[in-house]
Each structure stands twice: as C-alpha cells, then as structure tokens.
Amino acid sequence: MKRQKKSGKTQPESRFQRLLKKPWLFAGAALGLDLAMLAAGIVLSRMTFEPDYTATDDLISRSEPLGFFGVTAAVVLGIICVLTALIIAGAVRKKRGGAQLAGAVGLIVVSLAMLGSSAYMTLGLPPERVNSYSYSDESYQLIIEEDRYSSGNNAVSLYLAKQGDGSRPALRIASTGLSELSEEAERYTVNWVSADELMIGFEDAGSYRTLQIKTDKARLDNM
C-alpha cells in the first residue's frame, strides 16, 4: 500500500473571515452611525415640539413627539455592539490583537458618549422628583406640577383641563423656574380674575410671586 502525503495547503478563507481582517470597515460604520445620530440630535434640539398632555385624576402624562429618538438610539447602539463584537472576533483570530481589542473598547465608550449626548440634547432628562397639586371649580381643573432635576434646577408648570372623570386633554398654560419645591398644596392661591384669566400666587424663597395667565378655553373646549 502506498502512503499518501498530507497536503500542506489550508482551506481557503471564507468571505466572512476575510472581512474580519478589515476592522476599519466596522469601526468606520460605527463612527458614521454615531456622527449621524449626533447631527440629528443637534438639529432636533433646536426645534420646538409641544407634547400632547393628558390629565388623569391629579396627574399629567405626556405624549412626547420625539420619543422615537430614544428607540432609534437604542437600535443604533445594538448595531454598534454587533460591529464592535466583529472587531473583537477579528482581534481574537490574530496572534497580536491587543491593539485591536483596545480599539474596540474605545469605540464602544465613544459610541455610548455620543449617543448619550444626542439623546440628552433631544429628550433631556426626566425630573427626579415631581410634586403635583390640583385645584378645581365646576368647569375646569388646574394641575400644578413642581419638578426637581438632577442638575439642581427646579421648575413649576401649570396645566388646565376640563373637569371630568378619566383621561382628558390638557393644555400647559405656563411654566417658570422655581427656587424651592413645596410640601403642601396650600402654597398656591388660585383665582379667576376674568372669564379667561387666572391669577396664581405663591411664596418662593422668602418672596411672594404672582403669575397672571391668559388661558385659551376655546381651544381646550374644542379638543
């Protein structure tokens, strides 16, 4: 019997294996997505979109027009994680892939920073604390919300809704900065000074403030 010699030839590389040798393709795609999201965040942050507000009992809920941006950012982050995993897979195949591994880690850190910045510019951060107070008459309900943000800033917003049960459309009629949050509804005095004008008074950081607000009852009645 004749002994057959083993062939020294290796199997040809697949297309995918050849692609793993080009990590710059994956890195470029990831950075391109990062820059596109950052540019979109800058553009959207300069545009004004008023949410739709709904009053339920004594609380206000919002339908954020730019809520899709958070979902988009999450999808883009998932794609970037896949691209980073491919870079890491290519580094593992190399005998000296330490630099490529470090680059993959740096890429994911940069992507998180850029996507986080774009989401913050577009959507902002939700308040870490909300105080809500309600005042009603026979026809309308005024809901006052005090918000505290992680930045240390406070704000008070006023919403008007028609009196009723269940969920009802609401309008934000005013919003302003606030020095201190309160602990009780007695902080505010609310009076109609005319058929369409509200006067709200409250004490804030040792001084008494008043807000005189023109309301759009006709718009609310048609919602």
C-alpha atoms as a PDB file:
ATOM      1  CA  MET A   1       0.000   0.000   0.000  1.00  0.00           C
ATOM      2  CA  LYS A   2       1.191   3.467  -0.831  1.00  0.00           C
ATOM      3  CA  ARG A   3       1.307   6.053   1.908  1.00  0.00           C
ATOM      4  CA  GLN A   4      -0.496   9.241   0.989  1.00  0.00           C
ATOM      5  CA  LYS A   5       1.169  12.502   1.910  1.00  0.00           C
ATOM      6  CA  LYS A   6      -0.830  15.035   3.845  1.00  0.00           C
ATOM      7  CA  SER A   7      -1.405  18.217   1.941  1.00  0.00           C
ATOM      8  CA  GLY A   8       0.102  21.325   3.489  1.00  0.00           C
ATOM      9  CA  LYS A   9      -2.495  23.508   1.884  1.00  0.00           C
ATOM     10  CA  THR A  10      -5.042  25.208   4.121  1.00  0.00           C
ATOM     11  CA  GLN A  11      -8.696  25.684   3.320  1.00  0.00           C
ATOM     12  CA  PRO A  12      -9.381  28.955   1.512  1.00  0.00           C
ATOM     13  CA  GLU A  13     -10.731  31.662   3.773  1.00  0.00           C
ATOM     14  CA  SER A  14     -14.400  32.408   3.603  1.00  0.00           C
ATOM     15  CA  ARG A  15     -15.674  35.832   2.667  1.00  0.00           C
ATOM     16  CA  PHE A  16     -16.663  36.446   6.288  1.00  0.00           C
ATOM     17  CA  GLN A  17     -13.171  35.523   7.549  1.00  0.00           C
ATOM     18  CA  ARG A  18     -11.600  37.922   5.071  1.00  0.00           C
ATOM     19  CA  LEU A  19     -13.997  40.601   6.264  1.00  0.00           C
ATOM     20  CA  LEU A  20     -12.861  40.093   9.871  1.00  0.00           C
ATOM     21  CA  LYS A  21      -9.388  41.157   8.770  1.00  0.00           C
ATOM     22  CA  LYS A  22     -10.722  44.636   7.976  1.00  0.00           C
ATOM     23  CA  PRO A  23     -11.774  46.054  11.364  1.00  0.00           C
ATOM     24  CA  TRP A  24     -11.594  49.576   9.999  1.00  0.00           C
ATOM     25  CA  LEU A  25     -14.752  48.831   7.987  1.00  0.00           C
ATOM     26  CA  PHE A  26     -16.716  48.051  11.145  1.00  0.00           C
ATOM     27  CA  ALA A  27     -15.173  50.963  13.042  1.00  0.00           C
ATOM     28  CA  GLY A  28     -15.977  53.357  10.200  1.00  0.00           C
ATOM     29  CA  ALA A  29     -19.592  52.177  10.050  1.00  0.00           C
ATOM     30  CA  ALA A  30     -19.966  52.584  13.822  1.00  0.00           C
ATOM     31  CA  LEU A  31     -18.474  56.077  13.841  1.00  0.00           C
ATOM     32  CA  GLY A  32     -20.668  57.031  10.889  1.00  0.00           C
ATOM     33  CA  LEU A  33     -23.773  55.998  12.844  1.00  0.00           C
ATOM     34  CA  ASP A  34     -22.530  57.924  15.895  1.00  0.00           C
ATOM     35  CA  LEU A  35     -21.983  61.100  13.878  1.00  0.00           C
ATOM     36  CA  ALA A  36     -25.362  60.780  12.134  1.00  0.00           C
ATOM     37  CA  MET A  37     -27.168  60.432  15.495  1.00  0.00           C
ATOM     38  CA  LEU A  38     -25.215  63.344  16.970  1.00  0.00           C
ATOM     39  CA  ALA A  39     -26.087  65.544  13.997  1.00  0.00           C
ATOM     40  CA  ALA A  40     -29.758  64.544  14.273  1.00  0.00           C
ATOM     41  CA  GLY A  41     -29.688  65.358  17.992  1.00  0.00           C
ATOM     42  CA  ILE A  42     -28.250  68.824  17.335  1.00  0.00           C
ATOM     43  CA  VAL A  43     -30.889  69.570  14.687  1.00  0.00           C
ATOM     44  CA  LEU A  44     -33.832  68.271  16.741  1.00  0.00           C
ATOM     45  CA  SER A  45     -32.671  70.089  19.884  1.00  0.00           C
ATOM     46  CA  ARG A  46     -33.068  73.392  18.026  1.00  0.00           C
ATOM     47  CA  MET A  47     -36.655  72.612  17.049  1.00  0.00           C
ATOM     48  CA  THR A  48     -39.666  73.087  19.291  1.00  0.00           C
ATOM     49  CA  PHE A  49     -42.218  70.303  19.586  1.00  0.00           C
ATOM     50  CA  GLU A  50     -45.044  70.643  22.103  1.00  0.00           C
ATOM     51  CA  PRO A  51     -46.091  67.314  23.630  1.00  0.00           C
ATOM     52  CA  ASP A  52     -49.719  66.288  23.925  1.00  0.00           C
ATOM     53  CA  TYR A  53     -50.784  66.487  27.582  1.00  0.00           C
ATOM     54  CA  THR A  54     -53.419  64.352  29.273  1.00  0.00           C
ATOM     55  CA  ALA A  55     -54.898  64.889  32.719  1.00  0.00           C
ATOM     56  CA  THR A  56     -55.791  61.809  34.739  1.00  0.00           C
ATOM     57  CA  ASP A  57     -57.071  62.484  38.244  1.00  0.00           C
ATOM     58  CA  ASP A  58     -54.431  64.885  39.658  1.00  0.00           C
ATOM     59  CA  LEU A  59     -51.573  63.891  37.338  1.00  0.00           C
ATOM     60  CA  ILE A  60     -50.338  64.932  33.909  1.00  0.00           C
ATOM     61  CA  SER A  61     -48.987  62.464  31.360  1.00  0.00           C
ATOM     62  CA  ARG A  62     -47.131  63.458  28.179  1.00  0.00           C
ATOM     63  CA  SER A  63     -47.009  62.046  24.694  1.00  0.00           C
ATOM     64  CA  GLU A  64     -43.501  63.082  23.659  1.00  0.00           C
ATOM     65  CA  PRO A  65     -43.260  63.761  19.883  1.00  0.00           C
ATOM     66  CA  LEU A  66     -39.536  62.923  19.921  1.00  0.00           C
ATOM     67  CA  GLY A  67     -39.935  59.714  21.891  1.00  0.00           C
ATOM     68  CA  PHE A  68     -38.965  57.775  18.760  1.00  0.00           C
ATOM     69  CA  PHE A  69     -35.431  59.176  19.091  1.00  0.00           C
ATOM     70  CA  GLY A  70     -34.763  57.158  22.241  1.00  0.00           C
ATOM     71  CA  VAL A  71     -35.876  53.966  20.482  1.00  0.00           C
ATOM     72  CA  THR A  72     -33.717  54.823  17.483  1.00  0.00           C
ATOM     73  CA  ALA A  73     -30.703  55.451  19.727  1.00  0.00           C
ATOM     74  CA  ALA A  74     -31.229  52.052  21.389  1.00  0.00           C
ATOM     75  CA  VAL A  75     -31.373  50.313  17.988  1.00  0.00           C
ATOM     76  CA  VAL A  76     -28.238  52.115  16.798  1.00  0.00           C
ATOM     77  CA  LEU A  77     -26.436  51.130  19.992  1.00  0.00           C
ATOM     78  CA  GLY A  78     -27.378  47.498  19.346  1.00  0.00           C
ATOM     79  CA  ILE A  79     -25.947  47.703  15.817  1.00  0.00           C
ATOM     80  CA  ILE A  80     -22.739  49.275  17.144  1.00  0.00           C
ATOM     81  CA  CYS A  81     -22.414  46.483  19.712  1.00  0.00           C
ATOM     82  CA  VAL A  82     -22.613  43.943  16.870  1.00  0.00           C
ATOM     83  CA  LEU A  83     -19.970  45.839  14.877  1.00  0.00           C
ATOM     84  CA  THR A  84     -17.746  46.006  17.958  1.00  0.00           C
ATOM     85  CA  ALA A  85     -18.198  42.260  18.504  1.00  0.00           C
ATOM     86  CA  LEU A  86     -16.993  41.645  14.939  1.00  0.00           C
ATOM     87  CA  ILE A  87     -13.900  43.782  15.603  1.00  0.00           C
ATOM     88  CA  ILE A  88     -13.212  41.755  18.745  1.00  0.00           C
ATOM     89  CA  ALA A  89     -13.730  38.491  16.832  1.00  0.00           C
ATOM     90  CA  GLY A  90     -11.149  39.630  14.288  1.00  0.00           C
ATOM     91  CA  ALA A  91      -8.729  40.527  17.089  1.00  0.00           C
ATOM     92  CA  VAL A  92      -9.118  37.090  18.691  1.00  0.00           C
ATOM     93  CA  ARG A  93      -8.130  35.441  15.414  1.00  0.00           C
ATOM     94  CA  LYS A  94      -4.869  37.375  15.433  1.00  0.00           C
ATOM     95  CA  LYS A  95      -1.841  36.405  17.467  1.00  0.00           C
ATOM     96  CA  ARG A  96      -1.263  40.025  18.412  1.00  0.00           C
ATOM     97  CA  GLY A  97      -4.665  41.613  18.514  1.00  0.00           C
ATOM     98  CA  GLY A  98      -4.240  43.617  21.720  1.00  0.00           C
ATOM     99  CA  ALA A  99      -4.332  46.976  19.958  1.00  0.00           C
ATOM    100  CA  GLN A 100      -7.448  45.980  18.067  1.00  0.00           C
ATOM    101  CA  LEU A 101      -9.160  44.862  21.285  1.00  0.00           C
ATOM    102  CA  ALA A 102      -8.283  48.169  22.927  1.00  0.00           C
ATOM    103  CA  GLY A 103      -9.662  49.989  19.894  1.00  0.00           C
ATOM    104  CA  ALA A 104     -12.930  48.041  20.165  1.00  0.00           C
ATOM    105  CA  VAL A 105     -13.297  49.028  23.808  1.00  0.00           C
ATOM    106  CA  GLY A 106     -12.548  52.649  22.972  1.00  0.00           C
ATOM    107  CA  LEU A 107     -15.105  52.544  20.148  1.00  0.00           C
ATOM    108  CA  ILE A 108     -17.929  51.384  22.413  1.00  0.00           C
ATOM    109  CA  VAL A 109     -17.040  54.042  25.008  1.00  0.00           C
ATOM    110  CA  VAL A 110     -17.057  56.795  22.369  1.00  0.00           C
ATOM    111  CA  SER A 111     -20.334  55.487  20.944  1.00  0.00           C
ATOM    112  CA  LEU A 112     -22.003  55.492  24.364  1.00  0.00           C
ATOM    113  CA  ALA A 113     -20.852  59.069  24.938  1.00  0.00           C
ATOM    114  CA  MET A 114     -22.023  60.309  21.532  1.00  0.00           C
ATOM    115  CA  LEU A 115     -25.368  58.516  21.621  1.00  0.00           C
ATOM    116  CA  GLY A 116     -25.949  59.640  25.190  1.00  0.00           C
ATOM    117  CA  SER A 117     -25.192  63.234  24.225  1.00  0.00           C
ATOM    118  CA  SER A 118     -27.547  63.125  21.248  1.00  0.00           C
ATOM    119  CA  ALA A 119     -30.363  61.644  23.355  1.00  0.00           C
ATOM    120  CA  TYR A 120     -29.820  64.231  26.088  1.00  0.00           C
ATOM    121  CA  MET A 121     -29.890  67.125  23.604  1.00  0.00           C
ATOM    122  CA  THR A 122     -33.082  65.816  22.041  1.00  0.00           C
ATOM    123  CA  LEU A 123     -35.054  64.476  25.007  1.00  0.00           C
ATOM    124  CA  GLY A 124     -33.399  65.961  28.089  1.00  0.00           C
ATOM    125  CA  LEU A 125     -33.522  64.184  31.445  1.00  0.00           C
ATOM    126  CA  PRO A 126     -36.745  63.380  33.299  1.00  0.00           C
ATOM    127  CA  PRO A 127     -37.246  65.081  36.675  1.00  0.00           C
ATOM    128  CA  GLU A 128     -36.039  63.130  39.691  1.00  0.00           C
ATOM    129  CA  ARG A 129     -38.921  64.399  41.809  1.00  0.00           C
ATOM    130  CA  VAL A 130     -42.421  65.673  40.954  1.00  0.00           C
ATOM    131  CA  ASN A 131     -44.948  67.347  43.264  1.00  0.00           C
ATOM    132  CA  SER A 132     -48.458  67.595  41.827  1.00  0.00           C
ATOM    133  CA  TYR A 133     -51.351  69.702  43.149  1.00  0.00           C
ATOM    134  CA  SER A 134     -54.880  70.048  41.795  1.00  0.00           C
ATOM    135  CA  TYR A 135     -57.423  72.883  42.015  1.00  0.00           C
ATOM    136  CA  SER A 136     -60.930  72.594  40.545  1.00  0.00           C
ATOM    137  CA  ASP A 137     -64.140  74.511  40.033  1.00  0.00           C
ATOM    138  CA  GLU A 138     -67.393  73.452  38.373  1.00  0.00           C
ATOM    139  CA  SER A 139     -65.928  73.509  34.851  1.00  0.00           C
ATOM    140  CA  TYR A 140     -62.143  73.334  34.903  1.00  0.00           C
ATOM    141  CA  GLN A 141     -59.223  71.709  36.703  1.00  0.00           C
ATOM    142  CA  LEU A 142     -55.840  73.363  37.221  1.00  0.00           C
ATOM    143  CA  ILE A 143     -52.933  70.990  37.849  1.00  0.00           C
ATOM    144  CA  ILE A 144     -49.667  72.450  39.134  1.00  0.00           C
ATOM    145  CA  GLU A 145     -46.517  70.332  38.820  1.00  0.00           C
ATOM    146  CA  GLU A 146     -43.246  71.130  40.571  1.00  0.00           C
ATOM    147  CA  ASP A 147     -40.228  69.364  39.067  1.00  0.00           C
ATOM    148  CA  ARG A 148     -36.758  68.872  40.505  1.00  0.00           C
ATOM    149  CA  TYR A 149     -33.985  67.831  38.112  1.00  0.00           C
ATOM    150  CA  SER A 150     -30.659  66.153  38.788  1.00  0.00           C
ATOM    151  CA  SER A 151     -28.931  69.343  37.606  1.00  0.00           C
ATOM    152  CA  GLY A 152     -30.304  71.097  40.715  1.00  0.00           C
ATOM    153  CA  ASN A 153     -32.771  73.215  38.754  1.00  0.00           C
ATOM    154  CA  ASN A 154     -36.448  73.366  39.686  1.00  0.00           C
ATOM    155  CA  ALA A 155     -39.456  74.326  37.589  1.00  0.00           C
ATOM    156  CA  VAL A 156     -43.182  74.757  38.039  1.00  0.00           C
ATOM    157  CA  SER A 157     -45.658  74.108  35.214  1.00  0.00           C
ATOM    158  CA  LEU A 158     -49.393  74.789  35.124  1.00  0.00           C
ATOM    159  CA  TYR A 159     -51.899  72.749  33.132  1.00  0.00           C
ATOM    160  CA  LEU A 160     -55.583  73.380  32.502  1.00  0.00           C
ATOM    161  CA  ALA A 161     -58.111  70.640  31.747  1.00  0.00           C
ATOM    162  CA  LYS A 162     -61.872  70.388  31.645  1.00  0.00           C
ATOM    163  CA  GLN A 163     -63.492  68.973  34.741  1.00  0.00           C
ATOM    164  CA  GLY A 164     -64.441  65.307  34.426  1.00  0.00           C
ATOM    165  CA  ASP A 165     -63.549  61.701  35.103  1.00  0.00           C
ATOM    166  CA  GLY A 166     -60.902  59.596  33.419  1.00  0.00           C
ATOM    167  CA  SER A 167     -58.316  60.885  30.947  1.00  0.00           C
ATOM    168  CA  ARG A 168     -58.897  64.318  29.435  1.00  0.00           C
ATOM    169  CA  PRO A 169     -56.846  66.577  27.136  1.00  0.00           C
ATOM    170  CA  ALA A 170     -54.898  69.295  28.950  1.00  0.00           C
ATOM    171  CA  LEU A 171     -53.053  72.450  27.966  1.00  0.00           C
ATOM    172  CA  ARG A 172     -49.833  73.706  29.504  1.00  0.00           C
ATOM    173  CA  ILE A 173     -50.632  77.350  30.140  1.00  0.00           C
ATOM    174  CA  ALA A 174     -47.416  78.459  31.873  1.00  0.00           C
ATOM    175  CA  SER A 175     -44.002  77.303  33.060  1.00  0.00           C
ATOM    176  CA  THR A 176     -41.292  79.074  35.052  1.00  0.00           C
ATOM    177  CA  GLY A 177     -38.261  78.441  37.220  1.00  0.00           C
ATOM    178  CA  LEU A 178     -38.681  77.721  40.909  1.00  0.00           C
ATOM    179  CA  SER A 179     -36.228  78.194  43.778  1.00  0.00           C
ATOM    180  CA  GLU A 180     -37.756  75.693  46.182  1.00  0.00           C
ATOM    181  CA  LEU A 181     -40.211  72.827  45.969  1.00  0.00           C
ATOM    182  CA  SER A 182     -43.123  72.838  48.389  1.00  0.00           C
ATOM    183  CA  GLU A 183     -44.587  70.105  50.560  1.00  0.00           C
ATOM    184  CA  GLU A 184     -48.262  71.096  50.502  1.00  0.00           C
ATOM    185  CA  ALA A 185     -50.947  72.434  48.168  1.00  0.00           C
ATOM    186  CA  GLU A 186     -51.631  75.418  50.446  1.00  0.00           C
ATOM    187  CA  ARG A 187     -48.594  77.111  48.932  1.00  0.00           C
ATOM    188  CA  TYR A 188     -50.671  78.313  45.977  1.00  0.00           C
ATOM    189  CA  THR A 189     -53.672  80.639  45.767  1.00  0.00           C
ATOM    190  CA  VAL A 190     -55.671  80.348  42.564  1.00  0.00           C
ATOM    191  CA  ASN A 191     -58.324  82.822  41.382  1.00  0.00           C
ATOM    192  CA  TRP A 192     -60.086  83.655  38.151  1.00  0.00           C
ATOM    193  CA  VAL A 193     -59.677  87.407  37.694  1.00  0.00           C
ATOM    194  CA  SER A 194     -61.726  87.359  34.480  1.00  0.00           C
ATOM    195  CA  ALA A 195     -63.517  84.805  32.312  1.00  0.00           C
ATOM    196  CA  ASP A 196     -60.244  83.711  30.661  1.00  0.00           C
ATOM    197  CA  GLU A 197     -57.533  84.940  33.028  1.00  0.00           C
ATOM    198  CA  LEU A 198     -56.036  83.161  36.034  1.00  0.00           C
ATOM    199  CA  MET A 199     -54.061  84.681  38.882  1.00  0.00           C
ATOM    200  CA  ILE A 200     -51.746  82.301  40.759  1.00  0.00           C
ATOM    201  CA  GLY A 201     -49.828  83.485  43.805  1.00  0.00           C
ATOM    202  CA  PHE A 202     -47.200  81.612  45.819  1.00  0.00           C
ATOM    203  CA  GLU A 203     -44.245  82.165  48.109  1.00  0.00           C
ATOM    204  CA  ASP A 204     -40.828  81.130  46.849  1.00  0.00           C
ATOM    205  CA  ALA A 205     -37.515  81.528  48.693  1.00  0.00           C
ATOM    206  CA  GLY A 206     -38.877  84.221  51.001  1.00  0.00           C
ATOM    207  CA  SER A 207     -40.574  86.337  48.314  1.00  0.00           C
ATOM    208  CA  TYR A 208     -44.163  86.326  47.073  1.00  0.00           C
ATOM    209  CA  ARG A 209     -44.647  85.753  43.359  1.00  0.00           C
ATOM    210  CA  THR A 210     -47.713  86.118  41.157  1.00  0.00           C
ATOM    211  CA  LEU A 211     -48.462  84.750  37.712  1.00  0.00           C
ATOM    212  CA  GLN A 212     -51.283  86.285  35.687  1.00  0.00           C
ATOM    213  CA  ILE A 213     -52.079  83.912  32.824  1.00  0.00           C
ATOM    214  CA  LYS A 214     -54.366  84.307  29.840  1.00  0.00           C
ATOM    215  CA  THR A 215     -55.985  80.929  29.124  1.00  0.00           C
ATOM    216  CA  ASP A 216     -57.346  79.579  25.858  1.00  0.00           C
ATOM    217  CA  LYS A 217     -60.589  77.966  26.979  1.00  0.00           C
ATOM    218  CA  ALA A 218     -61.935  77.838  23.429  1.00  0.00           C
ATOM    219  CA  ARG A 219     -59.021  75.678  22.280  1.00  0.00           C
ATOM    220  CA  LEU A 220     -59.432  73.382  25.279  1.00  0.00           C
ATOM    221  CA  ASP A 221     -63.188  73.070  24.732  1.00  0.00           C
ATOM    222  CA  ASN A 222     -62.554  72.006  21.122  1.00  0.00           C
ATOM    223  CA  MET A 223     -60.014  69.298  21.986  1.00  0.00           C
END
